[in-house]
Amino acid sequence: MGFPYLISTLLYCFNRRDEVLLLERAREPNRGLWSPPGGKLHTDAGESPHACACREAREELGLDLSPRDLHLVGLVSEHGYEGQAHWLMFLFEVKPRLERLPPPGPEGRFAFFPRTALDGLNLPETDREMIWPLFWRHRGGFFAAHCHVHPDGRRAWLVEETRKRRPAVPDTISSVISPEVPAPTAAGSPAEVPPGPVIDLHSDDHFMTEALRQARRAAAAAEVPVGSVVVHAGRVIARAHNQVELLKDATAHAEMLALTQAQAALGDWRLNDCTLYVTKEPCPMCAGALVQARVGRVVYGAPDPRLGAAGGALNLLQWPDANHRCQITAGVRLEECRRLLLEFFREQRSGKNGEGRADPAGGRPLN
């Protein structure tokens, strides 16, 4: 029996501070996750996507919109989402700005978030992986993308068409919309089509971005900001960050936790076909675990010349007498990875911590 094909609209609304409005959904799909408001088309009544978006804005947000208040940012199709349905989603940015938060309703509660806060929210995986990056890159323009979800959960993305960003044309309406919006901008000449996909989902840069997200979570929890992900067959199967302070466990490094998750995900302790990404060069403990787990490749960002065991102080990942050697790629997103570490240890030196922890980004003692 085939899956049903569903059509929906999503509304990307912003306030005057350019914070995005998200809904913590109280119903399936995506119950408990944050996503833009919106809903399914009434296809049996012949409802158009623009009409659906205006109806959803009225029902969920109390807004009286017309099609001219909407900008179609993107079209996203998902084949076999969660093994339940096929989706075609119309992504609309609401051009007028909201001036207050809509009240909670049957669909869930609302909140405004700055762009930088999205990494720390519980988001649908496809939103985090591709839809949000595409939206930010093409906000004011247009993109189209397709996601094929395989039975085993793997997701294969195709960016079918992209247009460079054009300035959005905000307007004014009543109700909870702010009248203080920028003046309309004249449309420019037609944008050129980029030569290839916007985001290469198989690039080291992309996966190190995922590791950096984990590192920022560590920093927010007052842990040394190191994050790690494990990738198998082009898909992230494990995410972790340092949790030494939380777990009171000196071995709870990002790499160690990510390895445990990856082995559980694959049902095998051998990770020969996996790549581990980590924002800082692994220490001797983690390097030894990587070799024991037979990890095929290790990619790291910031080097650790004092204690690094992937070529910094020594190279345990390619020890001549070991029964396994890992491929190594160093320096991916180096400056961002280094900056996170330096900012963290700068705060430590300010006197918040008297233990004198060493700075792994530069190998210098703090006190």
Protein backbone atom coordinates (compact mmCIF):
# COMPACT_ATOMS: atom_id res chain seq x y z
CA MET A 1 0.00 0.00 0.00
CA GLY A 2 1.42 3.39 -1.02
CA PHE A 3 1.79 6.38 1.28
CA PRO A 4 -0.71 9.24 1.10
CA TYR A 5 0.51 12.43 -0.57
CA LEU A 6 -0.06 15.50 1.60
CA ILE A 7 0.35 19.19 0.78
CA SER A 8 1.03 21.80 3.43
CA THR A 9 2.09 25.40 3.96
CA LEU A 10 4.54 26.79 6.51
CA LEU A 11 4.58 30.43 7.64
CA TYR A 12 7.90 32.07 8.47
CA CYS A 13 6.96 35.12 10.57
CA PHE A 14 9.34 37.65 12.14
CA ASN A 15 9.06 40.48 14.65
CA ARG A 16 10.77 43.87 14.44
CA ARG A 17 13.96 42.39 15.95
CA ASP A 18 14.02 39.86 13.10
CA GLU A 19 13.32 37.00 15.51
CA VAL A 20 11.46 34.11 13.97
CA LEU A 21 8.14 32.85 15.34
CA LEU A 22 8.10 29.11 16.06
CA LEU A 23 5.41 26.76 17.34
CA GLU A 24 6.14 23.98 19.82
CA ARG A 25 3.70 21.52 18.36
CA ALA A 26 1.26 19.71 20.62
CA ARG A 27 0.08 17.35 17.87
CA GLU A 28 1.62 14.92 15.42
CA PRO A 29 3.53 15.12 13.21
CA ASN A 30 6.48 16.69 15.03
CA ARG A 31 4.85 16.73 18.45
CA GLY A 32 7.16 18.39 20.97
CA LEU A 33 9.33 19.93 18.25
CA TRP A 34 9.67 23.58 17.25
CA SER A 35 8.70 24.49 13.70
CA PRO A 36 7.02 27.35 11.82
CA PRO A 37 3.23 27.48 12.07
CA GLY A 38 1.15 26.17 9.19
CA GLY A 39 -0.95 23.22 8.17
CA LYS A 40 -2.40 21.01 5.47
CA LEU A 41 -4.28 22.19 2.40
CA HIS A 42 -7.98 21.43 2.10
CA THR A 43 -7.44 19.74 -1.24
CA ASP A 44 -10.97 18.33 -1.31
CA ALA A 45 -12.27 21.91 -1.39
CA GLY A 46 -9.80 23.00 -4.08
CA GLU A 47 -7.88 25.26 -1.71
CA SER A 48 -4.73 26.84 -3.16
CA PRO A 49 -1.42 27.09 -1.23
CA HIS A 50 -1.79 30.87 -0.87
CA ALA A 51 -5.37 30.49 0.37
CA CYS A 52 -4.23 27.80 2.82
CA ALA A 53 -1.46 30.05 4.15
CA CYS A 54 -3.93 32.90 4.71
CA ARG A 55 -6.39 30.56 6.45
CA GLU A 56 -3.69 29.09 8.70
CA ALA A 57 -2.51 32.61 9.60
CA ARG A 58 -6.05 33.53 10.60
CA GLU A 59 -6.74 30.33 12.55
CA GLU A 60 -3.39 29.91 14.33
CA LEU A 61 -2.07 33.48 14.59
CA GLY A 62 -5.15 35.69 14.40
CA LEU A 63 -3.75 37.50 11.37
CA ASP A 64 -5.78 38.82 8.46
CA LEU A 65 -3.45 38.24 5.50
CA SER A 66 -3.90 38.43 1.76
CA PRO A 67 -1.73 36.66 -0.83
CA ARG A 68 0.21 39.90 -1.42
CA ASP A 69 1.45 39.67 2.20
CA LEU A 70 3.24 36.40 1.41
CA HIS A 71 6.53 35.66 -0.33
CA LEU A 72 7.05 32.08 -1.56
CA VAL A 73 10.57 31.28 -0.37
CA GLY A 74 10.74 27.59 -1.22
CA LEU A 75 9.15 24.34 -2.28
CA VAL A 76 10.23 21.20 -0.44
CA SER A 77 9.08 17.68 -1.27
CA GLU A 78 9.74 14.78 1.09
CA HIS A 79 9.34 11.18 -0.06
CA GLY A 80 8.41 8.72 2.71
CA TYR A 81 8.67 11.10 5.67
CA GLU A 82 8.89 8.98 8.88
CA GLY A 83 7.62 6.04 6.82
CA GLN A 84 4.11 7.52 6.88
CA ALA A 85 3.51 9.95 4.03
CA HIS A 86 4.87 11.97 1.12
CA TRP A 87 4.80 15.73 1.61
CA LEU A 88 4.88 18.78 -0.64
CA MET A 89 5.50 21.91 1.44
CA PHE A 90 5.10 25.53 0.38
CA LEU A 91 7.31 27.79 2.51
CA PHE A 92 5.98 31.35 2.79
CA GLU A 93 7.63 34.28 4.53
CA VAL A 94 5.05 36.70 5.95
CA LYS A 95 6.30 40.11 4.83
CA PRO A 96 4.70 42.31 7.55
CA ARG A 97 6.36 42.07 10.97
CA LEU A 98 4.55 40.83 14.07
CA GLU A 99 4.49 43.18 17.04
CA ARG A 100 3.38 40.72 19.72
CA LEU A 101 3.33 37.01 20.45
CA PRO A 102 0.23 35.07 19.40
CA PRO A 103 -1.56 33.26 22.24
CA PRO A 104 -1.22 29.48 22.66
CA GLY A 105 -3.84 27.29 21.01
CA PRO A 106 -4.74 23.67 20.27
CA GLU A 107 -1.69 23.31 18.00
CA GLY A 108 0.76 24.35 20.74
CA ARG A 109 2.56 27.38 22.17
CA PHE A 110 4.48 30.10 20.34
CA ALA A 111 7.80 31.82 21.00
CA PHE A 112 10.14 34.18 19.17
CA PHE A 113 13.77 33.10 18.70
CA PRO A 114 16.84 34.80 17.25
CA ARG A 115 18.49 32.86 14.45
CA THR A 116 21.42 31.92 16.69
CA ALA A 117 19.12 30.14 19.17
CA LEU A 118 17.79 27.59 16.68
CA ASP A 119 20.76 25.25 17.13
CA GLY A 120 19.75 24.64 20.74
CA LEU A 121 16.09 23.82 20.01
CA ASN A 122 14.41 20.49 19.37
CA LEU A 123 13.77 20.76 15.64
CA PRO A 124 12.57 18.21 13.08
CA GLU A 125 15.67 16.55 11.62
CA THR A 126 14.94 17.59 8.04
CA ASP A 127 14.46 21.19 9.19
CA ARG A 128 17.82 21.20 10.98
CA GLU A 129 19.67 19.33 8.25
CA MET A 130 18.58 21.27 5.18
CA ILE A 131 15.41 23.36 5.26
CA TRP A 132 16.63 26.02 7.70
CA PRO A 133 20.05 26.41 6.00
CA LEU A 134 18.32 26.80 2.64
CA PHE A 135 15.79 29.26 4.03
CA TRP A 136 18.45 31.52 5.53
CA ARG A 137 20.53 31.41 2.38
CA HIS A 138 17.62 32.17 0.06
CA ARG A 139 15.44 34.36 2.26
CA GLY A 140 13.85 36.92 -0.04
CA GLY A 141 14.56 34.71 -3.06
CA PHE A 142 13.52 31.19 -3.94
CA PHE A 143 14.71 27.59 -3.73
CA ALA A 144 13.31 24.15 -4.44
CA ALA A 145 14.53 20.89 -2.93
CA HIS A 146 13.59 17.23 -2.68
CA CYS A 147 14.32 14.78 0.17
CA HIS A 148 14.09 11.04 -0.41
CA VAL A 149 13.80 9.21 2.92
CA HIS A 150 14.94 5.61 2.57
CA PRO A 151 13.35 2.78 4.61
CA ASP A 152 16.44 2.63 6.85
CA GLY A 153 16.10 6.34 7.69
CA ARG A 154 18.83 7.65 5.36
CA ARG A 155 17.95 10.96 3.71
CA ALA A 156 19.15 11.89 0.24
CA TRP A 157 18.69 15.55 -0.69
CA LEU A 158 18.56 17.15 -4.11
CA VAL A 159 18.51 20.92 -4.51
CA GLU A 160 16.57 21.04 -7.74
CA GLU A 161 16.53 24.77 -8.36
CA THR A 162 17.93 27.81 -6.64
CA ARG A 163 17.70 31.53 -7.13
CA LYS A 164 19.92 34.09 -5.48
CA ARG A 165 18.39 36.17 -2.76
CA ARG A 166 16.28 39.17 -3.75
CA PRO A 167 15.24 41.84 -1.25
CA ALA A 168 11.96 41.03 0.49
CA VAL A 169 9.16 43.57 0.14
CA PRO A 170 7.50 44.00 3.55
CA ASP A 171 4.11 45.67 3.89
CA THR A 172 1.73 46.66 6.66
CA ILE A 173 -1.47 45.10 7.95
CA SER A 174 -3.49 45.42 11.13
CA SER A 175 -4.00 43.09 14.11
CA VAL A 176 -0.69 41.89 15.63
CA ILE A 177 1.46 43.30 12.84
CA SER A 178 3.84 46.19 13.36
CA PRO A 179 3.37 49.13 10.97
CA GLU A 180 7.03 50.06 11.36
CA VAL A 181 8.56 48.08 8.51
CA PRO A 182 11.16 48.94 5.87
CA ALA A 183 10.01 50.60 2.67
CA PRO A 184 9.54 48.42 -0.42
CA THR A 185 12.64 47.80 -2.50
CA ALA A 186 12.56 47.86 -6.26
CA ALA A 187 13.10 44.51 -7.90
CA GLY A 188 16.47 44.06 -9.55
CA SER A 189 17.45 42.22 -12.66
CA PRO A 190 16.74 38.47 -12.89
CA ALA A 191 19.09 36.45 -10.72
CA GLU A 192 21.43 33.89 -12.17
CA VAL A 193 21.16 30.21 -11.38
CA PRO A 194 24.16 28.96 -9.34
CA PRO A 195 26.14 26.22 -11.07
CA GLY A 196 25.48 23.54 -8.42
CA PRO A 197 23.79 22.66 -5.15
CA VAL A 198 23.79 25.25 -2.41
CA ILE A 199 24.99 22.82 0.27
CA ASP A 200 27.12 19.74 -0.28
CA LEU A 201 25.75 17.36 2.33
CA HIS A 202 28.74 15.07 1.96
CA SER A 203 31.42 17.71 2.54
CA ASP A 204 33.71 17.89 5.55
CA ASP A 205 32.67 21.52 5.97
CA HIS A 206 29.01 20.54 6.37
CA PHE A 207 29.63 17.82 8.94
CA MET A 208 32.07 19.98 10.90
CA THR A 209 29.26 22.51 11.14
CA GLU A 210 27.23 19.83 12.92
CA ALA A 211 30.15 19.21 15.29
CA LEU A 212 30.39 22.95 15.97
CA ARG A 213 26.74 22.97 16.95
CA GLN A 214 27.53 20.36 19.56
CA ALA A 215 30.54 22.34 20.76
CA ARG A 216 28.35 25.40 21.31
CA ARG A 217 26.00 23.28 23.40
CA ALA A 218 28.96 22.28 25.53
CA ALA A 219 29.97 25.91 26.00
CA ALA A 220 26.41 26.81 27.01
CA ALA A 221 26.62 24.10 29.69
CA ALA A 222 30.00 25.39 30.98
CA GLU A 223 31.81 22.38 29.51
CA VAL A 224 34.99 22.64 27.44
CA PRO A 225 33.50 23.43 24.01
CA VAL A 226 34.31 20.33 21.99
CA GLY A 227 31.70 18.68 19.81
CA SER A 228 31.72 15.56 17.68
CA VAL A 229 29.55 13.73 15.15
CA VAL A 230 29.93 10.34 13.50
CA VAL A 231 28.90 9.91 9.86
CA HIS A 232 28.03 6.64 8.12
CA ALA A 233 26.91 6.38 4.48
CA GLY A 234 26.50 10.15 4.29
CA ARG A 235 24.26 10.37 7.37
CA VAL A 236 24.99 11.58 10.89
CA ILE A 237 24.38 8.64 13.22
CA ALA A 238 25.82 10.11 16.45
CA ARG A 239 26.11 13.56 18.00
CA ALA A 240 27.82 14.43 21.28
CA HIS A 241 29.67 17.12 23.19
CA ASN A 242 31.86 17.17 26.28
CA GLN A 243 29.94 16.24 29.43
CA VAL A 244 32.76 15.78 31.93
CA GLU A 245 31.35 18.25 34.45
CA LEU A 246 27.74 17.09 34.07
CA LEU A 247 28.51 13.39 34.44
CA LYS A 248 31.45 13.85 36.82
CA ASP A 249 33.33 11.51 34.50
CA ALA A 250 36.80 12.34 33.20
CA THR A 251 36.26 10.02 30.22
CA ALA A 252 33.07 11.77 29.01
CA HIS A 253 34.77 13.50 26.09
CA ALA A 254 32.75 14.28 22.96
CA GLU A 255 34.53 11.58 20.91
CA MET A 256 33.99 8.88 23.54
CA LEU A 257 30.28 9.61 23.81
CA ALA A 258 29.87 9.81 20.04
CA LEU A 259 31.61 6.46 19.56
CA THR A 260 29.24 4.78 22.01
CA GLN A 261 26.22 6.23 20.20
CA ALA A 262 27.54 5.20 16.77
CA GLN A 263 28.21 1.62 17.86
CA ALA A 264 24.70 1.38 19.27
CA ALA A 265 23.23 2.83 16.07
CA LEU A 266 25.01 0.29 13.86
CA GLY A 267 24.86 -2.63 16.27
CA ASP A 268 28.58 -3.21 15.85
CA TRP A 269 31.68 -2.03 17.70
CA ARG A 270 33.60 -1.85 14.43
CA LEU A 271 33.26 1.52 12.72
CA ASN A 272 35.49 0.96 9.69
CA ASP A 273 33.07 2.70 7.32
CA CYS A 274 32.53 5.70 9.57
CA THR A 275 34.08 9.16 9.76
CA LEU A 276 34.30 10.96 13.10
CA TYR A 277 34.32 14.76 13.07
CA VAL A 278 35.52 16.63 16.15
CA THR A 279 36.21 20.30 16.70
CA LYS A 280 39.53 19.76 18.53
CA GLU A 281 42.31 17.31 17.85
CA PRO A 282 41.67 14.12 19.89
CA CYS A 283 43.59 13.55 23.12
CA PRO A 284 45.50 10.26 23.69
CA MET A 285 42.52 8.65 25.43
CA CYS A 286 40.13 9.45 22.58
CA ALA A 287 42.68 8.58 19.91
CA GLY A 288 43.18 5.17 21.48
CA ALA A 289 39.42 4.58 21.50
CA LEU A 290 39.18 5.63 17.85
CA VAL A 291 41.79 3.06 16.89
CA GLN A 292 40.16 0.35 18.99
CA ALA A 293 36.78 1.12 17.34
CA ARG A 294 38.41 0.83 13.89
CA VAL A 295 37.13 4.25 12.82
CA GLY A 296 37.99 4.69 9.17
CA ARG A 297 38.62 8.42 9.12
CA VAL A 298 39.02 11.23 11.65
CA VAL A 299 38.47 14.90 10.76
CA TYR A 300 39.27 17.59 13.30
CA GLY A 301 39.28 21.37 13.44
CA ALA A 302 41.63 23.02 15.95
CA PRO A 303 45.03 21.41 16.57
CA ASP A 304 46.37 20.67 20.04
CA PRO A 305 50.19 20.87 19.87
CA ARG A 306 50.54 20.09 23.58
CA LEU A 307 48.36 17.01 24.03
CA GLY A 308 46.98 16.20 20.59
CA ALA A 309 47.29 12.57 19.53
CA ALA A 310 46.50 12.96 15.82
CA GLY A 311 49.81 14.53 14.87
CA GLY A 312 50.03 17.45 17.33
CA ALA A 313 52.13 16.02 20.16
CA LEU A 314 52.11 12.45 18.82
CA ASN A 315 50.14 10.40 16.32
CA LEU A 316 48.36 7.46 17.92
CA LEU A 317 45.83 7.31 15.09
CA GLN A 318 48.56 6.07 12.75
CA TRP A 319 50.85 4.28 15.20
CA PRO A 320 53.11 1.99 13.15
CA ASP A 321 52.61 -1.11 15.33
CA ALA A 322 48.85 -0.76 15.79
CA ASN A 323 46.50 -3.19 14.07
CA HIS A 324 44.43 -0.31 12.66
CA ARG A 325 45.28 3.14 11.36
CA CYS A 326 42.80 5.98 10.82
CA GLN A 327 42.91 8.38 7.92
CA ILE A 328 43.31 11.96 9.19
CA THR A 329 42.08 15.29 7.83
CA ALA A 330 43.09 18.33 9.91
CA GLY A 331 42.13 21.99 10.04
CA VAL A 332 38.50 21.90 8.84
CA ARG A 333 36.71 25.07 10.05
CA LEU A 334 39.86 25.65 12.07
CA GLU A 335 39.31 29.30 13.00
CA GLU A 336 35.75 28.75 14.24
CA CYS A 337 36.80 25.73 16.29
CA ARG A 338 39.79 27.57 17.74
CA ARG A 339 37.73 30.66 18.53
CA LEU A 340 35.25 28.67 20.62
CA LEU A 341 38.08 27.22 22.70
CA LEU A 342 39.89 30.52 23.14
CA GLU A 343 36.75 32.35 24.24
CA PHE A 344 35.94 29.62 26.76
CA PHE A 345 39.40 29.61 28.32
CA ARG A 346 39.52 33.41 28.30
CA GLU A 347 36.52 33.32 30.60
CA GLN A 348 38.27 30.71 32.74
CA ARG A 349 41.27 32.99 33.11
CA SER A 350 39.01 35.79 34.29
CA GLY A 351 38.80 34.02 37.65
CA LYS A 352 35.64 31.93 37.36
CA ASN A 353 37.60 28.71 37.76
CA GLY A 354 40.56 28.31 40.08
CA GLU A 355 41.60 24.84 39.02
CA GLY A 356 44.03 26.07 36.38
CA ARG A 357 42.82 23.95 33.47
CA ALA A 358 45.14 23.98 30.48
CA ASP A 359 44.14 25.65 27.24
CA PRO A 360 44.05 22.86 24.61
CA ALA A 361 43.90 25.34 21.74
CA GLY A 362 47.30 26.78 22.55
CA GLY A 363 48.82 24.43 25.10
CA ARG A 364 49.23 27.15 27.73
CA PRO A 365 48.33 26.86 31.43
CA LEU A 366 45.55 29.14 32.59
CA ASN A 367 47.08 30.12 35.90
